[in-house]
Amino acid sequence: MRRTRFDADPCPIARVADLFGDWWTPIILRDVLFGVQRFEDF
């Protein structure tokens, strides 16, 4: 699986996640905090 790069993303959480390698966990947490509740919305 190819890794998605977030270094040009406007979201600071996505850019930090890109630096640390575990890129999907903080992105999912960010979406949950913004109100995403359904699996298909992720």
C-alpha atoms as a PDB file:
ATOM      1  CA  MET A   1       0.000   0.000   0.000  1.00  0.00           C
ATOM      2  CA  ARG A   2       1.339   3.405  -0.962  1.00  0.00           C
ATOM      3  CA  ARG A   3       1.660   6.002   1.807  1.00  0.00           C
ATOM      4  CA  THR A   4      -0.380   9.184   1.400  1.00  0.00           C
ATOM      5  CA  ARG A   5       1.614  12.364   1.926  1.00  0.00           C
ATOM      6  CA  PHE A   6       0.074  15.256   3.872  1.00  0.00           C
ATOM      7  CA  ASP A   7       3.011  17.682   3.808  1.00  0.00           C
ATOM      8  CA  ALA A   8       1.090  20.131   1.569  1.00  0.00           C
ATOM      9  CA  ASP A   9      -2.228  19.774   3.420  1.00  0.00           C
ATOM     10  CA  PRO A  10      -3.611  22.996   4.960  1.00  0.00           C
ATOM     11  CA  CYS A  11      -4.421  21.151   8.205  1.00  0.00           C
ATOM     12  CA  PRO A  12      -1.604  21.420  10.785  1.00  0.00           C
ATOM     13  CA  ILE A  13      -2.613  18.077  12.328  1.00  0.00           C
ATOM     14  CA  ALA A  14      -2.181  16.361   8.971  1.00  0.00           C
ATOM     15  CA  ARG A  15       1.242  17.952   8.458  1.00  0.00           C
ATOM     16  CA  VAL A  16       2.454  16.850  11.908  1.00  0.00           C
ATOM     17  CA  ALA A  17       1.117  13.348  11.295  1.00  0.00           C
ATOM     18  CA  ASP A  18       3.113  13.299   8.059  1.00  0.00           C
ATOM     19  CA  LEU A  19       6.290  14.010  10.027  1.00  0.00           C
ATOM     20  CA  PHE A  20       5.778  11.266  12.607  1.00  0.00           C
ATOM     21  CA  GLY A  21       4.758   8.444  10.291  1.00  0.00           C
ATOM     22  CA  ASP A  22       1.611   7.172  12.031  1.00  0.00           C
ATOM     23  CA  TRP A  23      -0.435   9.215   9.620  1.00  0.00           C
ATOM     24  CA  TRP A  24      -3.940   7.810   9.877  1.00  0.00           C
ATOM     25  CA  THR A  25      -4.656   7.886  13.634  1.00  0.00           C
ATOM     26  CA  PRO A  26      -4.487  11.675  14.163  1.00  0.00           C
ATOM     27  CA  ILE A  27      -6.446  12.259  10.952  1.00  0.00           C
ATOM     28  CA  ILE A  28      -9.269  10.010  12.149  1.00  0.00           C
ATOM     29  CA  LEU A  29      -9.231  11.689  15.573  1.00  0.00           C
ATOM     30  CA  ARG A  30      -9.423  15.108  13.899  1.00  0.00           C
ATOM     31  CA  ASP A  31     -12.437  14.019  11.846  1.00  0.00           C
ATOM     32  CA  VAL A  32     -14.156  12.589  14.937  1.00  0.00           C
ATOM     33  CA  LEU A  33     -13.609  15.865  16.789  1.00  0.00           C
ATOM     34  CA  PHE A  34     -15.186  17.711  13.846  1.00  0.00           C
ATOM     35  CA  GLY A  35     -18.282  15.515  14.063  1.00  0.00           C
ATOM     36  CA  VAL A  36     -17.754  12.682  11.574  1.00  0.00           C
ATOM     37  CA  GLN A  37     -19.609   9.678  12.988  1.00  0.00           C
ATOM     38  CA  ARG A  38     -20.209   7.256  10.135  1.00  0.00           C
ATOM     39  CA  PHE A  39     -17.545   4.888   8.837  1.00  0.00           C
ATOM     40  CA  GLU A  40     -18.280   5.692   5.193  1.00  0.00           C
ATOM     41  CA  ASP A  41     -17.705   9.412   5.888  1.00  0.00           C
ATOM     42  CA  PHE A  42     -14.085   8.768   6.777  1.00  0.00           C
END
